[in-house]
Amino acid sequence: MKSLVSSCRVSAGIVAAVAGLASTGSLAQTVMDHMSVVARFVEKLKAAPHGEGNLLDHSPMLYGSPMANLFLELAAKEGIELDNFGDSTGRLEI
Protein backbone atom coordinates (compact mmCIF):
# COMPACT_ATOMS: atom_id res chain seq x y z
CA MET A 1 0.00 0.00 0.00
CA LYS A 2 3.02 2.25 -0.12
CA SER A 3 1.94 3.27 -3.61
CA LEU A 4 -1.43 4.52 -2.30
CA VAL A 5 0.29 6.85 0.16
CA SER A 6 2.64 8.01 -2.58
CA SER A 7 -0.28 8.47 -4.97
CA CYS A 8 -2.07 10.71 -2.47
CA ARG A 9 1.04 12.83 -2.14
CA VAL A 10 1.59 12.97 -5.91
CA SER A 11 -2.08 13.79 -6.53
CA ALA A 12 -1.94 16.57 -3.95
CA GLY A 13 1.16 17.92 -5.69
CA ILE A 14 -0.48 17.83 -9.10
CA VAL A 15 -3.61 19.51 -7.76
CA ALA A 16 -1.42 22.16 -6.14
CA ALA A 17 0.41 22.82 -9.41
CA VAL A 18 -2.77 22.99 -11.47
CA ALA A 19 -4.52 25.10 -8.86
CA GLY A 20 -1.57 27.46 -8.78
CA LEU A 21 -1.63 27.85 -12.54
CA ALA A 22 -5.41 28.07 -12.86
CA SER A 23 -6.40 30.29 -9.99
CA THR A 24 -6.16 30.87 -6.30
CA GLY A 25 -9.94 30.71 -5.83
CA SER A 26 -11.83 28.90 -3.12
CA LEU A 27 -12.43 25.78 -5.27
CA ALA A 28 -8.71 25.19 -5.64
CA GLN A 29 -8.24 25.59 -1.91
CA THR A 30 -11.11 23.20 -1.18
CA VAL A 31 -9.56 20.53 -3.43
CA MET A 32 -6.21 20.98 -1.71
CA ASP A 33 -7.83 20.74 1.72
CA HIS A 34 -9.61 17.52 0.76
CA MET A 35 -6.44 15.94 -0.63
CA SER A 36 -4.57 16.87 2.55
CA VAL A 37 -7.23 15.23 4.71
CA VAL A 38 -7.12 12.05 2.61
CA ALA A 39 -3.31 11.93 2.77
CA ARG A 40 -3.36 12.35 6.58
CA PHE A 41 -6.02 9.65 6.90
CA VAL A 42 -3.95 7.23 4.80
CA GLU A 43 -0.88 7.94 6.92
CA LYS A 44 -2.88 7.22 10.11
CA LEU A 45 -4.13 3.93 8.69
CA LYS A 46 -0.57 3.02 7.74
CA ALA A 47 0.67 3.78 11.26
CA ALA A 48 -2.01 1.68 13.02
CA PRO A 49 -0.89 -1.94 13.54
CA HIS A 50 -3.40 -4.63 12.59
CA GLY A 51 -2.67 -8.35 12.40
CA GLU A 52 0.44 -9.02 10.34
CA GLY A 53 0.46 -5.52 8.89
CA ASN A 54 -1.40 -2.28 9.41
CA LEU A 55 -4.93 -0.98 8.91
CA LEU A 56 -4.05 0.37 5.49
CA ASP A 57 -3.19 -3.16 4.37
CA HIS A 58 -6.71 -4.26 5.30
CA SER A 59 -8.73 -1.24 4.14
CA PRO A 60 -10.24 -0.91 0.68
CA MET A 61 -10.19 2.76 -0.26
CA LEU A 62 -11.77 4.68 -3.09
CA TYR A 63 -11.38 8.39 -3.55
CA GLY A 64 -12.27 10.41 -6.55
CA SER A 65 -15.08 11.65 -8.67
CA PRO A 66 -17.30 10.40 -10.16
CA MET A 67 -17.44 7.25 -8.06
CA ALA A 68 -21.19 6.71 -7.59
CA ASN A 69 -21.45 4.17 -10.44
CA LEU A 70 -18.51 2.22 -9.04
CA PHE A 71 -20.10 2.15 -5.58
CA LEU A 72 -23.25 0.66 -7.12
CA GLU A 73 -21.20 -2.11 -8.71
CA LEU A 74 -19.23 -2.83 -5.53
CA ALA A 75 -22.41 -3.00 -3.49
CA ALA A 76 -23.90 -5.45 -6.01
CA LYS A 77 -20.77 -7.63 -5.78
CA GLU A 78 -21.37 -7.78 -2.02
CA GLY A 79 -24.99 -8.81 -2.54
CA ILE A 80 -26.48 -5.39 -1.84
CA GLU A 81 -28.81 -4.36 -4.64
CA LEU A 82 -29.35 -0.60 -4.84
CA ASP A 83 -31.38 1.32 -7.40
CA ASN A 84 -29.03 4.28 -7.18
CA PHE A 85 -26.27 5.84 -5.12
CA GLY A 86 -25.75 9.58 -4.99
CA ASP A 87 -25.78 10.89 -8.55
CA SER A 88 -25.16 7.49 -10.17
CA THR A 89 -26.33 6.86 -13.70
CA GLY A 90 -25.91 3.07 -13.62
CA ARG A 91 -23.51 0.35 -12.56
CA LEU A 92 -19.92 0.45 -13.72
CA GLU A 93 -19.13 -3.09 -14.84
CA ILE A 94 -15.83 -4.31 -13.39
C-alpha atoms as a PDB file:
ATOM      1  CA  MET A   1       0.000   0.000   0.000  1.00  0.00           C
ATOM      2  CA  LYS A   2       3.020   2.253  -0.123  1.00  0.00           C
ATOM      3  CA  SER A   3       1.943   3.268  -3.610  1.00  0.00           C
ATOM      4  CA  LEU A   4      -1.430   4.522  -2.297  1.00  0.00           C
ATOM      5  CA  VAL A   5       0.295   6.850   0.157  1.00  0.00           C
ATOM      6  CA  SER A   6       2.640   8.011  -2.579  1.00  0.00           C
ATOM      7  CA  SER A   7      -0.282   8.465  -4.973  1.00  0.00           C
ATOM      8  CA  CYS A   8      -2.070  10.715  -2.474  1.00  0.00           C
ATOM      9  CA  ARG A   9       1.039  12.834  -2.142  1.00  0.00           C
ATOM     10  CA  VAL A  10       1.585  12.975  -5.908  1.00  0.00           C
ATOM     11  CA  SER A  11      -2.080  13.790  -6.529  1.00  0.00           C
ATOM     12  CA  ALA A  12      -1.944  16.566  -3.952  1.00  0.00           C
ATOM     13  CA  GLY A  13       1.163  17.916  -5.687  1.00  0.00           C
ATOM     14  CA  ILE A  14      -0.485  17.833  -9.102  1.00  0.00           C
ATOM     15  CA  VAL A  15      -3.609  19.514  -7.763  1.00  0.00           C
ATOM     16  CA  ALA A  16      -1.424  22.165  -6.143  1.00  0.00           C
ATOM     17  CA  ALA A  17       0.408  22.823  -9.406  1.00  0.00           C
ATOM     18  CA  VAL A  18      -2.772  22.988 -11.471  1.00  0.00           C
ATOM     19  CA  ALA A  19      -4.517  25.097  -8.865  1.00  0.00           C
ATOM     20  CA  GLY A  20      -1.572  27.464  -8.781  1.00  0.00           C
ATOM     21  CA  LEU A  21      -1.634  27.852 -12.538  1.00  0.00           C
ATOM     22  CA  ALA A  22      -5.406  28.072 -12.865  1.00  0.00           C
ATOM     23  CA  SER A  23      -6.397  30.295  -9.990  1.00  0.00           C
ATOM     24  CA  THR A  24      -6.165  30.868  -6.297  1.00  0.00           C
ATOM     25  CA  GLY A  25      -9.943  30.705  -5.827  1.00  0.00           C
ATOM     26  CA  SER A  26     -11.835  28.899  -3.125  1.00  0.00           C
ATOM     27  CA  LEU A  27     -12.431  25.775  -5.268  1.00  0.00           C
ATOM     28  CA  ALA A  28      -8.711  25.190  -5.644  1.00  0.00           C
ATOM     29  CA  GLN A  29      -8.242  25.590  -1.909  1.00  0.00           C
ATOM     30  CA  THR A  30     -11.109  23.195  -1.183  1.00  0.00           C
ATOM     31  CA  VAL A  31      -9.559  20.529  -3.431  1.00  0.00           C
ATOM     32  CA  MET A  32      -6.210  20.979  -1.707  1.00  0.00           C
ATOM     33  CA  ASP A  33      -7.833  20.743   1.722  1.00  0.00           C
ATOM     34  CA  HIS A  34      -9.614  17.515   0.765  1.00  0.00           C
ATOM     35  CA  MET A  35      -6.443  15.939  -0.626  1.00  0.00           C
ATOM     36  CA  SER A  36      -4.572  16.873   2.549  1.00  0.00           C
ATOM     37  CA  VAL A  37      -7.232  15.229   4.709  1.00  0.00           C
ATOM     38  CA  VAL A  38      -7.116  12.050   2.609  1.00  0.00           C
ATOM     39  CA  ALA A  39      -3.314  11.927   2.765  1.00  0.00           C
ATOM     40  CA  ARG A  40      -3.357  12.347   6.578  1.00  0.00           C
ATOM     41  CA  PHE A  41      -6.023   9.649   6.900  1.00  0.00           C
ATOM     42  CA  VAL A  42      -3.950   7.228   4.800  1.00  0.00           C
ATOM     43  CA  GLU A  43      -0.883   7.942   6.923  1.00  0.00           C
ATOM     44  CA  LYS A  44      -2.877   7.225  10.111  1.00  0.00           C
ATOM     45  CA  LEU A  45      -4.132   3.927   8.685  1.00  0.00           C
ATOM     46  CA  LYS A  46      -0.570   3.017   7.739  1.00  0.00           C
ATOM     47  CA  ALA A  47       0.672   3.779  11.264  1.00  0.00           C
ATOM     48  CA  ALA A  48      -2.012   1.685  13.021  1.00  0.00           C
ATOM     49  CA  PRO A  49      -0.887  -1.941  13.539  1.00  0.00           C
ATOM     50  CA  HIS A  50      -3.396  -4.626  12.589  1.00  0.00           C
ATOM     51  CA  GLY A  51      -2.665  -8.350  12.396  1.00  0.00           C
ATOM     52  CA  GLU A  52       0.442  -9.019  10.341  1.00  0.00           C
ATOM     53  CA  GLY A  53       0.461  -5.519   8.891  1.00  0.00           C
ATOM     54  CA  ASN A  54      -1.395  -2.280   9.411  1.00  0.00           C
ATOM     55  CA  LEU A  55      -4.928  -0.979   8.907  1.00  0.00           C
ATOM     56  CA  LEU A  56      -4.053   0.373   5.490  1.00  0.00           C
ATOM     57  CA  ASP A  57      -3.185  -3.161   4.374  1.00  0.00           C
ATOM     58  CA  HIS A  58      -6.711  -4.259   5.301  1.00  0.00           C
ATOM     59  CA  SER A  59      -8.730  -1.235   4.141  1.00  0.00           C
ATOM     60  CA  PRO A  60     -10.244  -0.912   0.684  1.00  0.00           C
ATOM     61  CA  MET A  61     -10.188   2.756  -0.262  1.00  0.00           C
ATOM     62  CA  LEU A  62     -11.766   4.677  -3.086  1.00  0.00           C
ATOM     63  CA  TYR A  63     -11.381   8.385  -3.552  1.00  0.00           C
ATOM     64  CA  GLY A  64     -12.269  10.409  -6.551  1.00  0.00           C
ATOM     65  CA  SER A  65     -15.076  11.653  -8.667  1.00  0.00           C
ATOM     66  CA  PRO A  66     -17.301  10.397 -10.158  1.00  0.00           C
ATOM     67  CA  MET A  67     -17.441   7.246  -8.059  1.00  0.00           C
ATOM     68  CA  ALA A  68     -21.186   6.705  -7.589  1.00  0.00           C
ATOM     69  CA  ASN A  69     -21.454   4.175 -10.438  1.00  0.00           C
ATOM     70  CA  LEU A  70     -18.507   2.224  -9.042  1.00  0.00           C
ATOM     71  CA  PHE A  71     -20.104   2.152  -5.577  1.00  0.00           C
ATOM     72  CA  LEU A  72     -23.255   0.657  -7.115  1.00  0.00           C
ATOM     73  CA  GLU A  73     -21.203  -2.110  -8.710  1.00  0.00           C
ATOM     74  CA  LEU A  74     -19.228  -2.826  -5.533  1.00  0.00           C
ATOM     75  CA  ALA A  75     -22.414  -2.997  -3.493  1.00  0.00           C
ATOM     76  CA  ALA A  76     -23.903  -5.451  -6.010  1.00  0.00           C
ATOM     77  CA  LYS A  77     -20.773  -7.627  -5.779  1.00  0.00           C
ATOM     78  CA  GLU A  78     -21.365  -7.785  -2.019  1.00  0.00           C
ATOM     79  CA  GLY A  79     -24.991  -8.806  -2.543  1.00  0.00           C
ATOM     80  CA  ILE A  80     -26.483  -5.385  -1.840  1.00  0.00           C
ATOM     81  CA  GLU A  81     -28.805  -4.361  -4.637  1.00  0.00           C
ATOM     82  CA  LEU A  82     -29.351  -0.596  -4.839  1.00  0.00           C
ATOM     83  CA  ASP A  83     -31.376   1.323  -7.400  1.00  0.00           C
ATOM     84  CA  ASN A  84     -29.031   4.281  -7.179  1.00  0.00           C
ATOM     85  CA  PHE A  85     -26.270   5.836  -5.120  1.00  0.00           C
ATOM     86  CA  GLY A  86     -25.751   9.575  -4.988  1.00  0.00           C
ATOM     87  CA  ASP A  87     -25.780  10.893  -8.551  1.00  0.00           C
ATOM     88  CA  SER A  88     -25.159   7.485 -10.166  1.00  0.00           C
ATOM     89  CA  THR A  89     -26.332   6.858 -13.697  1.00  0.00           C
ATOM     90  CA  GLY A  90     -25.914   3.069 -13.622  1.00  0.00           C
ATOM     91  CA  ARG A  91     -23.514   0.351 -12.560  1.00  0.00           C
ATOM     92  CA  LEU A  92     -19.920   0.454 -13.723  1.00  0.00           C
ATOM     93  CA  GLU A  93     -19.128  -3.087 -14.845  1.00  0.00           C
ATOM     94  CA  ILE A  94     -15.828  -4.312 -13.386  1.00  0.00           C
END
